[in-house]
């Protein structure tokens, strides 16, 4: 239990360090402890749970299977943001919602993509490797793409700083993953006994975060559901299709094509919700409008991917 207390303490300290600048400018009466503390802490915990399932070997698959890894990485790092930008533009979303789509399109897959890959009879090891590497790379790519998106869609954030955002994302995502990995390496008995409990808690936190994002911006959602809903669904459907077809065209076997498809089409909605608040705080103390696309995505993604999962589970291809 000592290791658990140390890890939890470190995560809490990281959240305090990475608290959004915008929140500091809101007076104490308007401050929202859920947005400023609990949400970032929940993200850190979820990323810690991801780290418990990773080892250093998970980062080496890029060298052992460069073709499979390269296809998935290209889809996630290049194709996905381009598709997200196209959808946000064609859907004629309001500036903040358009930037929210771009934030979602920059997020890594997370634990969810690993679980779905396993259920769909994909290559779980490859999925975990994608998650491990992309979770680190997005610390750099996410702030850069958000900065471009805000400029393009005319959204002004208070004292928005790319470097500072990158540091905040690093503290809330990469560092907790490293703590989880260290816990698994140096306290294997503890991590083995606690992994299922931690993962269950992370799942519950994810559901709560998604529901909170939708509820806090309910009026905005209702005003834009006709555009936002189809945009979010289109993003997932297109990336699932592009992921699978790109893998097959480049002669990957079906088990890896399934993995590439899921990694291309499933994003970590919790990261998107949290980053939206880091970039632009809501004036009423609730969740940011930038977080809404990720919240809607989190609520819909299982419904959207269900037919694909059924197809892959019932299709026995080599």
C-alpha atoms as a PDB file:
ATOM      1  CA  UNK A   1       0.000   0.000   0.000  1.00  0.00           C
ATOM      2  CA  UNK A   2       2.977   2.298   0.529  1.00  0.00           C
ATOM      3  CA  UNK A   3       3.656   2.379  -3.221  1.00  0.00           C
ATOM      4  CA  UNK A   4       0.006   3.240  -3.833  1.00  0.00           C
ATOM      5  CA  UNK A   5       0.189   6.200  -1.442  1.00  0.00           C
ATOM      6  CA  UNK A   6       3.393   7.485  -3.020  1.00  0.00           C
ATOM      7  CA  UNK A   7       1.966   7.235  -6.562  1.00  0.00           C
ATOM      8  CA  UNK A   8      -1.274   8.954  -5.552  1.00  0.00           C
ATOM      9  CA  UNK A   9       0.596  11.762  -3.807  1.00  0.00           C
ATOM     10  CA  UNK A  10       2.807  12.374  -6.826  1.00  0.00           C
ATOM     11  CA  UNK A  11      -0.224  12.460  -9.142  1.00  0.00           C
ATOM     12  CA  UNK A  12      -1.960  14.980  -6.901  1.00  0.00           C
ATOM     13  CA  UNK A  13       1.119  17.225  -6.897  1.00  0.00           C
ATOM     14  CA  UNK A  14       1.310  17.049 -10.702  1.00  0.00           C
ATOM     15  CA  UNK A  15      -2.307  18.131 -11.003  1.00  0.00           C
ATOM     16  CA  UNK A  16      -1.704  21.131  -8.776  1.00  0.00           C
ATOM     17  CA  UNK A  17       1.301  22.149 -10.870  1.00  0.00           C
ATOM     18  CA  UNK A  18      -0.594  21.678 -14.142  1.00  0.00           C
ATOM     19  CA  UNK A  19      -3.764  23.558 -13.122  1.00  0.00           C
ATOM     20  CA  UNK A  20      -4.914  25.733 -16.051  1.00  0.00           C
ATOM     21  CA  UNK A  21      -3.811  29.352 -16.166  1.00  0.00           C
ATOM     22  CA  UNK A  22      -7.293  30.451 -17.091  1.00  0.00           C
ATOM     23  CA  UNK A  23      -8.646  29.068 -13.852  1.00  0.00           C
ATOM     24  CA  UNK A  24      -6.270  31.291 -11.897  1.00  0.00           C
ATOM     25  CA  UNK A  25      -7.900  34.361 -13.415  1.00  0.00           C
ATOM     26  CA  UNK A  26     -11.364  33.468 -12.205  1.00  0.00           C
ATOM     27  CA  UNK A  27     -12.249  34.787  -8.776  1.00  0.00           C
ATOM     28  CA  UNK A  28     -12.695  32.396  -5.893  1.00  0.00           C
ATOM     29  CA  UNK A  29     -16.502  32.618  -5.939  1.00  0.00           C
ATOM     30  CA  UNK A  30     -16.613  31.533  -9.565  1.00  0.00           C
ATOM     31  CA  UNK A  31     -13.941  28.872  -9.241  1.00  0.00           C
ATOM     32  CA  UNK A  32     -15.086  25.293  -9.701  1.00  0.00           C
ATOM     33  CA  UNK A  33     -13.179  22.640  -7.810  1.00  0.00           C
ATOM     34  CA  UNK A  34     -14.535  19.946 -10.126  1.00  0.00           C
ATOM     35  CA  UNK A  35     -13.083  21.632 -13.205  1.00  0.00           C
ATOM     36  CA  UNK A  36      -9.860  22.897 -11.654  1.00  0.00           C
ATOM     37  CA  UNK A  37      -8.886  19.880  -9.565  1.00  0.00           C
ATOM     38  CA  UNK A  38     -11.047  16.776  -9.887  1.00  0.00           C
ATOM     39  CA  UNK A  39     -11.086  16.654 -13.693  1.00  0.00           C
ATOM     40  CA  UNK A  40      -7.291  16.940 -14.125  1.00  0.00           C
ATOM     41  CA  UNK A  41      -6.762  14.528 -11.239  1.00  0.00           C
ATOM     42  CA  UNK A  42      -9.134  12.050 -12.889  1.00  0.00           C
ATOM     43  CA  UNK A  43      -7.212  12.279 -16.149  1.00  0.00           C
ATOM     44  CA  UNK A  44      -3.924  11.725 -14.317  1.00  0.00           C
ATOM     45  CA  UNK A  45      -5.405   8.677 -12.594  1.00  0.00           C
ATOM     46  CA  UNK A  46      -6.701   7.261 -15.881  1.00  0.00           C
ATOM     47  CA  UNK A  47      -3.282   7.713 -17.480  1.00  0.00           C
ATOM     48  CA  UNK A  48      -1.700   6.103 -14.396  1.00  0.00           C
ATOM     49  CA  UNK A  49      -3.965   3.092 -14.951  1.00  0.00           C
ATOM     50  CA  UNK A  50      -2.710   2.969 -18.537  1.00  0.00           C
ATOM     51  CA  UNK A  51       0.885   2.981 -17.325  1.00  0.00           C
ATOM     52  CA  UNK A  52       0.223  -0.006 -15.051  1.00  0.00           C
ATOM     53  CA  UNK A  53      -0.354  -2.065 -18.202  1.00  0.00           C
ATOM     54  CA  UNK A  54       2.783  -0.914 -20.035  1.00  0.00           C
ATOM     55  CA  UNK A  55       6.429  -1.981 -20.052  1.00  0.00           C
ATOM     56  CA  UNK A  56       9.470  -0.649 -21.883  1.00  0.00           C
ATOM     57  CA  UNK A  57       9.114  -3.514 -24.374  1.00  0.00           C
ATOM     58  CA  UNK A  58       5.839  -1.974 -25.534  1.00  0.00           C
ATOM     59  CA  UNK A  59       7.827   0.932 -26.996  1.00  0.00           C
ATOM     60  CA  UNK A  60      10.131  -1.337 -29.009  1.00  0.00           C
ATOM     61  CA  UNK A  61       7.538  -2.795 -31.380  1.00  0.00           C
ATOM     62  CA  UNK A  62       8.137   0.218 -33.611  1.00  0.00           C
ATOM     63  CA  UNK A  63      11.502  -1.362 -34.468  1.00  0.00           C
ATOM     64  CA  UNK A  64      10.274  -4.960 -34.620  1.00  0.00           C
ATOM     65  CA  UNK A  65       7.251  -4.256 -36.840  1.00  0.00           C
ATOM     66  CA  UNK A  66       7.987  -0.905 -38.516  1.00  0.00           C
ATOM     67  CA  UNK A  67       5.495  -1.332 -41.357  1.00  0.00           C
ATOM     68  CA  UNK A  68       2.461  -2.032 -39.164  1.00  0.00           C
ATOM     69  CA  UNK A  69       3.468   0.637 -36.699  1.00  0.00           C
ATOM     70  CA  UNK A  70       4.198   3.216 -39.401  1.00  0.00           C
ATOM     71  CA  UNK A  71       0.770   2.837 -41.007  1.00  0.00           C
ATOM     72  CA  UNK A  72      -1.059   3.336 -37.724  1.00  0.00           C
ATOM     73  CA  UNK A  73       1.158   6.203 -36.629  1.00  0.00           C
ATOM     74  CA  UNK A  74       0.645   8.006 -39.950  1.00  0.00           C
ATOM     75  CA  UNK A  75      -3.112   7.623 -39.614  1.00  0.00           C
ATOM     76  CA  UNK A  76      -3.144   8.976 -36.083  1.00  0.00           C
ATOM     77  CA  UNK A  77      -0.604  11.766 -36.415  1.00  0.00           C
ATOM     78  CA  UNK A  78      -1.318  13.028 -39.950  1.00  0.00           C
ATOM     79  CA  UNK A  79      -4.516  11.626 -41.492  1.00  0.00           C
ATOM     80  CA  UNK A  80      -6.734  12.002 -38.409  1.00  0.00           C
ATOM     81  CA  UNK A  81      -6.074  15.757 -37.889  1.00  0.00           C
ATOM     82  CA  UNK A  82      -6.597  16.372 -41.613  1.00  0.00           C
ATOM     83  CA  UNK A  83      -9.913  14.498 -41.567  1.00  0.00           C
ATOM     84  CA  UNK A  84     -10.931  16.327 -38.386  1.00  0.00           C
ATOM     85  CA  UNK A  85     -10.126  19.681 -39.992  1.00  0.00           C
ATOM     86  CA  UNK A  86     -12.140  18.762 -43.087  1.00  0.00           C
ATOM     87  CA  UNK A  87     -15.159  17.693 -41.036  1.00  0.00           C
ATOM     88  CA  UNK A  88     -15.057  20.778 -38.816  1.00  0.00           C
ATOM     89  CA  UNK A  89     -14.893  22.991 -41.900  1.00  0.00           C
ATOM     90  CA  UNK A  90     -17.574  21.208 -43.934  1.00  0.00           C
ATOM     91  CA  UNK A  91     -19.925  20.993 -40.951  1.00  0.00           C
ATOM     92  CA  UNK A  92     -19.612  24.768 -40.509  1.00  0.00           C
ATOM     93  CA  UNK A  93     -19.251  24.408 -36.746  1.00  0.00           C
ATOM     94  CA  UNK A  94     -18.885  27.451 -34.506  1.00  0.00           C
ATOM     95  CA  UNK A  95     -15.257  28.345 -33.813  1.00  0.00           C
ATOM     96  CA  UNK A  96     -15.003  26.785 -30.353  1.00  0.00           C
ATOM     97  CA  UNK A  97     -16.724  23.567 -31.410  1.00  0.00           C
ATOM     98  CA  UNK A  98     -14.474  23.340 -34.482  1.00  0.00           C
ATOM     99  CA  UNK A  99     -11.393  23.671 -32.274  1.00  0.00           C
ATOM    100  CA  UNK A 100     -12.953  21.048 -29.988  1.00  0.00           C
ATOM    101  CA  UNK A 101     -13.110  18.644 -32.934  1.00  0.00           C
ATOM    102  CA  UNK A 102      -9.438  19.316 -33.633  1.00  0.00           C
ATOM    103  CA  UNK A 103      -8.540  18.681 -29.987  1.00  0.00           C
ATOM    104  CA  UNK A 104     -10.362  15.348 -30.193  1.00  0.00           C
ATOM    105  CA  UNK A 105      -8.553  14.494 -33.429  1.00  0.00           C
ATOM    106  CA  UNK A 106      -5.184  15.015 -31.715  1.00  0.00           C
ATOM    107  CA  UNK A 107      -5.844  12.715 -28.749  1.00  0.00           C
ATOM    108  CA  UNK A 108      -4.216   9.284 -28.363  1.00  0.00           C
ATOM    109  CA  UNK A 109      -6.235   6.084 -28.133  1.00  0.00           C
ATOM    110  CA  UNK A 110      -5.746   5.208 -24.487  1.00  0.00           C
ATOM    111  CA  UNK A 111      -6.866   2.121 -22.583  1.00  0.00           C
ATOM    112  CA  UNK A 112     -10.182   1.949 -24.467  1.00  0.00           C
ATOM    113  CA  UNK A 113      -8.527   1.199 -27.811  1.00  0.00           C
ATOM    114  CA  UNK A 114      -6.436  -1.546 -26.201  1.00  0.00           C
ATOM    115  CA  UNK A 115      -9.503  -3.239 -24.726  1.00  0.00           C
ATOM    116  CA  UNK A 116     -11.513  -2.951 -27.949  1.00  0.00           C
ATOM    117  CA  UNK A 117      -8.606  -4.371 -29.937  1.00  0.00           C
ATOM    118  CA  UNK A 118      -8.468  -7.395 -27.660  1.00  0.00           C
ATOM    119  CA  UNK A 119     -12.227  -7.959 -27.912  1.00  0.00           C
ATOM    120  CA  UNK A 120     -12.109  -7.615 -31.716  1.00  0.00           C
ATOM    121  CA  UNK A 121      -9.353 -10.252 -31.955  1.00  0.00           C
ATOM    122  CA  UNK A 122      -6.761  -7.728 -33.082  1.00  0.00           C
ATOM    123  CA  UNK A 123      -3.074  -7.533 -32.205  1.00  0.00           C
ATOM    124  CA  UNK A 124      -3.185  -6.323 -28.605  1.00  0.00           C
ATOM    125  CA  UNK A 125       0.587  -5.937 -28.315  1.00  0.00           C
ATOM    126  CA  UNK A 126       0.615  -3.670 -31.370  1.00  0.00           C
ATOM    127  CA  UNK A 127      -2.297  -1.653 -29.940  1.00  0.00           C
ATOM    128  CA  UNK A 128      -0.478  -1.143 -26.645  1.00  0.00           C
ATOM    129  CA  UNK A 129       2.630  -0.027 -28.518  1.00  0.00           C
ATOM    130  CA  UNK A 130       0.608   2.548 -30.454  1.00  0.00           C
ATOM    131  CA  UNK A 131      -0.870   3.871 -27.234  1.00  0.00           C
ATOM    132  CA  UNK A 132       2.505   4.050 -25.519  1.00  0.00           C
ATOM    133  CA  UNK A 133       4.254   5.959 -28.288  1.00  0.00           C
ATOM    134  CA  UNK A 134       1.378   8.212 -29.372  1.00  0.00           C
ATOM    135  CA  UNK A 135       0.675   9.233 -25.765  1.00  0.00           C
ATOM    136  CA  UNK A 136       4.202  10.655 -25.652  1.00  0.00           C
ATOM    137  CA  UNK A 137       4.261  12.171 -29.155  1.00  0.00           C
ATOM    138  CA  UNK A 138       0.981  14.060 -28.677  1.00  0.00           C
ATOM    139  CA  UNK A 139       2.595  16.138 -25.949  1.00  0.00           C
ATOM    140  CA  UNK A 140       4.254  17.990 -28.842  1.00  0.00           C
ATOM    141  CA  UNK A 141       1.734  17.638 -31.684  1.00  0.00           C
ATOM    142  CA  UNK A 142      -1.426  18.455 -29.718  1.00  0.00           C
ATOM    143  CA  UNK A 143      -0.433  21.995 -28.619  1.00  0.00           C
ATOM    144  CA  UNK A 144       0.880  22.839 -32.089  1.00  0.00           C
ATOM    145  CA  UNK A 145      -2.294  21.730 -33.872  1.00  0.00           C
ATOM    146  CA  UNK A 146      -4.503  23.431 -31.281  1.00  0.00           C
ATOM    147  CA  UNK A 147      -2.584  26.670 -31.771  1.00  0.00           C
ATOM    148  CA  UNK A 148      -3.097  26.476 -35.543  1.00  0.00           C
ATOM    149  CA  UNK A 149      -6.782  25.586 -35.124  1.00  0.00           C
ATOM    150  CA  UNK A 150      -7.516  28.450 -32.765  1.00  0.00           C
ATOM    151  CA  UNK A 151      -5.918  30.883 -35.158  1.00  0.00           C
ATOM    152  CA  UNK A 152      -7.741  29.440 -38.183  1.00  0.00           C
ATOM    153  CA  UNK A 153     -11.180  29.247 -36.584  1.00  0.00           C
ATOM    154  CA  UNK A 154     -10.864  32.608 -34.835  1.00  0.00           C
ATOM    155  CA  UNK A 155     -10.922  31.415 -31.228  1.00  0.00           C
ATOM    156  CA  UNK A 156      -9.018  33.528 -28.712  1.00  0.00           C
ATOM    157  CA  UNK A 157      -7.790  31.895 -25.523  1.00  0.00           C
ATOM    158  CA  UNK A 158      -6.670  33.907 -22.517  1.00  0.00           C
ATOM    159  CA  UNK A 159      -2.867  34.015 -22.585  1.00  0.00           C
ATOM    160  CA  UNK A 160      -2.762  30.812 -24.637  1.00  0.00           C
ATOM    161  CA  UNK A 161       0.796  29.522 -24.718  1.00  0.00           C
ATOM    162  CA  UNK A 162       1.810  26.475 -26.748  1.00  0.00           C
ATOM    163  CA  UNK A 163       4.819  25.653 -24.585  1.00  0.00           C
ATOM    164  CA  UNK A 164       2.845  25.948 -21.369  1.00  0.00           C
ATOM    165  CA  UNK A 165       0.032  23.785 -22.741  1.00  0.00           C
ATOM    166  CA  UNK A 166       2.574  21.171 -23.816  1.00  0.00           C
ATOM    167  CA  UNK A 167       4.005  21.141 -20.294  1.00  0.00           C
ATOM    168  CA  UNK A 168       0.555  20.790 -18.759  1.00  0.00           C
ATOM    169  CA  UNK A 169      -0.322  17.911 -21.086  1.00  0.00           C
ATOM    170  CA  UNK A 170       3.013  16.273 -20.269  1.00  0.00           C
ATOM    171  CA  UNK A 171       2.382  16.530 -16.524  1.00  0.00           C
ATOM    172  CA  UNK A 172      -1.169  15.209 -16.765  1.00  0.00           C
ATOM    173  CA  UNK A 173      -0.604  12.407 -19.282  1.00  0.00           C
ATOM    174  CA  UNK A 174       2.982  11.294 -19.838  1.00  0.00           C
ATOM    175  CA  UNK A 175       4.244  11.583 -16.258  1.00  0.00           C
ATOM    176  CA  UNK A 176       1.352   9.545 -14.760  1.00  0.00           C
ATOM    177  CA  UNK A 177       1.981   6.880 -17.422  1.00  0.00           C
ATOM    178  CA  UNK A 178       5.646   6.777 -16.388  1.00  0.00           C
ATOM    179  CA  UNK A 179       4.644   6.498 -12.730  1.00  0.00           C
ATOM    180  CA  UNK A 180       2.356   3.602 -13.604  1.00  0.00           C
ATOM    181  CA  UNK A 181       5.128   1.880 -15.556  1.00  0.00           C
ATOM    182  CA  UNK A 182       7.572   2.375 -12.681  1.00  0.00           C
ATOM    183  CA  UNK A 183       5.027   0.956 -10.253  1.00  0.00           C
ATOM    184  CA  UNK A 184       4.608  -2.127 -12.434  1.00  0.00           C
ATOM    185  CA  UNK A 185       8.360  -2.599 -12.735  1.00  0.00           C
ATOM    186  CA  UNK A 186       9.373  -2.054  -9.115  1.00  0.00           C
ATOM    187  CA  UNK A 187       6.193  -3.219  -7.370  1.00  0.00           C
ATOM    188  CA  UNK A 188       4.946  -6.033  -9.641  1.00  0.00           C
ATOM    189  CA  UNK A 189       2.945  -7.779  -6.926  1.00  0.00           C
ATOM    190  CA  UNK A 190       1.154  -4.576  -6.017  1.00  0.00           C
ATOM    191  CA  UNK A 191       0.444  -3.566  -9.613  1.00  0.00           C
ATOM    192  CA  UNK A 192      -0.774  -7.056 -10.464  1.00  0.00           C
ATOM    193  CA  UNK A 193      -3.208  -7.140  -7.559  1.00  0.00           C
ATOM    194  CA  UNK A 194      -4.450  -3.582  -8.077  1.00  0.00           C
ATOM    195  CA  UNK A 195      -4.585  -3.357 -11.881  1.00  0.00           C
ATOM    196  CA  UNK A 196      -8.174  -4.600 -12.233  1.00  0.00           C
ATOM    197  CA  UNK A 197      -9.391  -2.323  -9.444  1.00  0.00           C
ATOM    198  CA  UNK A 198      -7.554   0.683 -10.870  1.00  0.00           C
ATOM    199  CA  UNK A 199      -8.893  -0.008 -14.379  1.00  0.00           C
ATOM    200  CA  UNK A 200     -12.451  -0.318 -13.051  1.00  0.00           C
ATOM    201  CA  UNK A 201     -12.089   2.976 -11.197  1.00  0.00           C
ATOM    202  CA  UNK A 202     -10.667   4.620 -14.330  1.00  0.00           C
ATOM    203  CA  UNK A 203     -13.672   3.409 -16.345  1.00  0.00           C
ATOM    204  CA  UNK A 204     -16.098   4.853 -13.803  1.00  0.00           C
ATOM    205  CA  UNK A 205     -14.231   8.173 -13.844  1.00  0.00           C
ATOM    206  CA  UNK A 206     -14.395   8.212 -17.653  1.00  0.00           C
ATOM    207  CA  UNK A 207     -18.176   7.785 -17.623  1.00  0.00           C
ATOM    208  CA  UNK A 208     -18.602  10.519 -15.009  1.00  0.00           C
ATOM    209  CA  UNK A 209     -16.384  12.922 -16.960  1.00  0.00           C
ATOM    210  CA  UNK A 210     -18.284  12.346 -20.208  1.00  0.00           C
ATOM    211  CA  UNK A 211     -21.667  12.842 -18.542  1.00  0.00           C
ATOM    212  CA  UNK A 212     -20.426  15.988 -16.801  1.00  0.00           C
ATOM    213  CA  UNK A 213     -19.122  17.425 -20.078  1.00  0.00           C
ATOM    214  CA  UNK A 214     -22.470  16.898 -21.777  1.00  0.00           C
ATOM    215  CA  UNK A 215     -24.597  18.083 -18.842  1.00  0.00           C
ATOM    216  CA  UNK A 216     -22.606  21.274 -18.200  1.00  0.00           C
ATOM    217  CA  UNK A 217     -22.879  22.377 -21.834  1.00  0.00           C
ATOM    218  CA  UNK A 218     -26.373  21.018 -22.461  1.00  0.00           C
ATOM    219  CA  UNK A 219     -27.763  24.226 -23.977  1.00  0.00           C
ATOM    220  CA  UNK A 220     -24.806  24.543 -26.351  1.00  0.00           C
ATOM    221  CA  UNK A 221     -25.178  20.878 -27.283  1.00  0.00           C
ATOM    222  CA  UNK A 222     -28.883  21.256 -28.063  1.00  0.00           C
ATOM    223  CA  UNK A 223     -28.173  24.296 -30.211  1.00  0.00           C
ATOM    224  CA  UNK A 224     -25.531  22.460 -32.227  1.00  0.00           C
ATOM    225  CA  UNK A 225     -26.525  18.788 -32.034  1.00  0.00           C
ATOM    226  CA  UNK A 226     -27.655  18.776 -35.654  1.00  0.00           C
ATOM    227  CA  UNK A 227     -24.091  19.573 -36.748  1.00  0.00           C
ATOM    228  CA  UNK A 228     -21.968  18.291 -33.877  1.00  0.00           C
ATOM    229  CA  UNK A 229     -23.498  14.815 -33.612  1.00  0.00           C
ATOM    230  CA  UNK A 230     -23.010  13.910 -37.291  1.00  0.00           C
ATOM    231  CA  UNK A 231     -19.539  15.486 -37.259  1.00  0.00           C
ATOM    232  CA  UNK A 232     -18.379  13.339 -34.347  1.00  0.00           C
ATOM    233  CA  UNK A 233     -19.910  10.182 -35.835  1.00  0.00           C
ATOM    234  CA  UNK A 234     -18.384  10.947 -39.242  1.00  0.00           C
ATOM    235  CA  UNK A 235     -14.931  11.369 -37.701  1.00  0.00           C
ATOM    236  CA  UNK A 236     -15.036   7.942 -36.086  1.00  0.00           C
ATOM    237  CA  UNK A 237     -16.589   6.136 -39.052  1.00  0.00           C
ATOM    238  CA  UNK A 238     -14.180   7.650 -41.562  1.00  0.00           C
ATOM    239  CA  UNK A 239     -11.114   6.876 -39.456  1.00  0.00           C
ATOM    240  CA  UNK A 240     -12.210   3.302 -38.754  1.00  0.00           C
ATOM    241  CA  UNK A 241     -12.658   2.825 -42.504  1.00  0.00           C
ATOM    242  CA  UNK A 242      -9.441   4.583 -43.484  1.00  0.00           C
ATOM    243  CA  UNK A 243      -7.513   2.673 -40.847  1.00  0.00           C
ATOM    244  CA  UNK A 244      -8.691  -0.749 -41.975  1.00  0.00           C
ATOM    245  CA  UNK A 245      -8.470  -0.088 -45.702  1.00  0.00           C
ATOM    246  CA  UNK A 246      -5.031   1.543 -45.546  1.00  0.00           C
ATOM    247  CA  UNK A 247      -3.718  -1.481 -43.661  1.00  0.00           C
ATOM    248  CA  UNK A 248      -5.213  -3.943 -46.150  1.00  0.00           C
ATOM    249  CA  UNK A 249      -3.995  -1.973 -49.185  1.00  0.00           C
ATOM    250  CA  UNK A 250      -0.485  -2.093 -47.733  1.00  0.00           C
ATOM    251  CA  UNK A 251      -0.770  -5.879 -47.242  1.00  0.00           C
ATOM    252  CA  UNK A 252      -1.147  -6.127 -43.495  1.00  0.00           C
ATOM    253  CA  UNK A 253      -2.943  -9.245 -42.295  1.00  0.00           C
ATOM    254  CA  UNK A 254      -6.447  -8.828 -40.897  1.00  0.00           C
ATOM    255  CA  UNK A 255      -5.449  -9.082 -37.244  1.00  0.00           C
ATOM    256  CA  UNK A 256      -3.186  -6.053 -37.633  1.00  0.00           C
ATOM    257  CA  UNK A 257      -5.613  -4.244 -39.938  1.00  0.00           C
ATOM    258  CA  UNK A 258      -8.187  -4.530 -37.153  1.00  0.00           C
ATOM    259  CA  UNK A 259      -5.713  -2.989 -34.728  1.00  0.00           C
ATOM    260  CA  UNK A 260      -4.787  -0.136 -37.061  1.00  0.00           C
ATOM    261  CA  UNK A 261      -8.470   0.593 -37.663  1.00  0.00           C
ATOM    262  CA  UNK A 262      -9.327   0.804 -33.972  1.00  0.00           C
ATOM    263  CA  UNK A 263      -6.256   2.869 -33.143  1.00  0.00           C
ATOM    264  CA  UNK A 264      -7.096   5.237 -35.997  1.00  0.00           C
ATOM    265  CA  UNK A 265     -10.769   5.589 -35.052  1.00  0.00           C
ATOM    266  CA  UNK A 266     -10.789   5.579 -31.235  1.00  0.00           C
ATOM    267  CA  UNK A 267      -9.532   8.570 -29.277  1.00  0.00           C
ATOM    268  CA  UNK A 268      -9.144   9.226 -25.547  1.00  0.00           C
ATOM    269  CA  UNK A 269     -12.143  11.461 -24.865  1.00  0.00           C
ATOM    270  CA  UNK A 270     -10.950  12.217 -21.335  1.00  0.00           C
ATOM    271  CA  UNK A 271      -7.814  13.872 -22.686  1.00  0.00           C
ATOM    272  CA  UNK A 272      -9.920  15.942 -25.067  1.00  0.00           C
ATOM    273  CA  UNK A 273     -12.303  17.068 -22.326  1.00  0.00           C
ATOM    274  CA  UNK A 274      -9.472  18.020 -19.983  1.00  0.00           C
ATOM    275  CA  UNK A 275      -7.363  19.787 -22.607  1.00  0.00           C
ATOM    276  CA  UNK A 276     -10.394  21.810 -23.699  1.00  0.00           C
ATOM    277  CA  UNK A 277     -10.555  23.236 -20.180  1.00  0.00           C
ATOM    278  CA  UNK A 278      -6.821  23.899 -20.104  1.00  0.00           C
ATOM    279  CA  UNK A 279      -7.003  25.893 -23.321  1.00  0.00           C
ATOM    280  CA  UNK A 280     -10.127  27.955 -22.629  1.00  0.00           C
ATOM    281  CA  UNK A 281     -11.974  28.041 -19.310  1.00  0.00           C
ATOM    282  CA  UNK A 282     -15.734  28.449 -19.306  1.00  0.00           C
ATOM    283  CA  UNK A 283     -16.823  31.894 -18.059  1.00  0.00           C
ATOM    284  CA  UNK A 284     -19.493  30.350 -15.800  1.00  0.00           C
ATOM    285  CA  UNK A 285     -17.086  27.915 -14.168  1.00  0.00           C
ATOM    286  CA  UNK A 286     -18.413  24.851 -16.016  1.00  0.00           C
ATOM    287  CA  UNK A 287     -16.668  22.715 -18.572  1.00  0.00           C
ATOM    288  CA  UNK A 288     -15.341  24.506 -21.622  1.00  0.00           C
ATOM    289  CA  UNK A 289     -17.236  24.465 -24.915  1.00  0.00           C
ATOM    290  CA  UNK A 290     -13.980  23.166 -26.382  1.00  0.00           C
ATOM    291  CA  UNK A 291     -14.577  20.008 -24.335  1.00  0.00           C
ATOM    292  CA  UNK A 292     -18.052  19.339 -25.704  1.00  0.00           C
ATOM    293  CA  UNK A 293     -17.083  17.471 -28.916  1.00  0.00           C
ATOM    294  CA  UNK A 294     -14.966  15.076 -26.865  1.00  0.00           C
ATOM    295  CA  UNK A 295     -17.841  14.589 -24.422  1.00  0.00           C
ATOM    296  CA  UNK A 296     -20.289  13.781 -27.221  1.00  0.00           C
ATOM    297  CA  UNK A 297     -17.701  11.508 -28.792  1.00  0.00           C
ATOM    298  CA  UNK A 298     -17.201   9.643 -25.527  1.00  0.00           C
ATOM    299  CA  UNK A 299     -20.947   9.033 -25.285  1.00  0.00           C
ATOM    300  CA  UNK A 300     -21.341   7.860 -28.882  1.00  0.00           C
ATOM    301  CA  UNK A 301     -18.133   6.019 -29.729  1.00  0.00           C
ATOM    302  CA  UNK A 302     -19.222   2.617 -28.402  1.00  0.00           C
ATOM    303  CA  UNK A 303     -22.462   2.733 -30.373  1.00  0.00           C
ATOM    304  CA  UNK A 304     -20.610   3.730 -33.532  1.00  0.00           C
ATOM    305  CA  UNK A 305     -17.926   1.062 -33.260  1.00  0.00           C
ATOM    306  CA  UNK A 306     -20.334  -1.744 -32.263  1.00  0.00           C
ATOM    307  CA  UNK A 307     -21.068  -2.900 -35.864  1.00  0.00           C
ATOM    308  CA  UNK A 308     -17.335  -2.930 -36.661  1.00  0.00           C
ATOM    309  CA  UNK A 309     -16.622  -4.944 -33.515  1.00  0.00           C
ATOM    310  CA  UNK A 310     -19.356  -7.450 -34.378  1.00  0.00           C
ATOM    311  CA  UNK A 311     -17.976  -7.821 -37.906  1.00  0.00           C
ATOM    312  CA  UNK A 312     -14.421  -8.423 -36.731  1.00  0.00           C
ATOM    313  CA  UNK A 313     -15.429 -10.829 -33.972  1.00  0.00           C
ATOM    314  CA  UNK A 314     -17.612 -12.935 -36.274  1.00  0.00           C
ATOM    315  CA  UNK A 315     -15.244 -12.870 -39.256  1.00  0.00           C
ATOM    316  CA  UNK A 316     -12.478 -15.424 -39.098  1.00  0.00           C
ATOM    317  CA  UNK A 317      -9.828 -14.136 -41.471  1.00  0.00           C
ATOM    318  CA  UNK A 318      -6.123 -14.903 -41.204  1.00  0.00           C
END
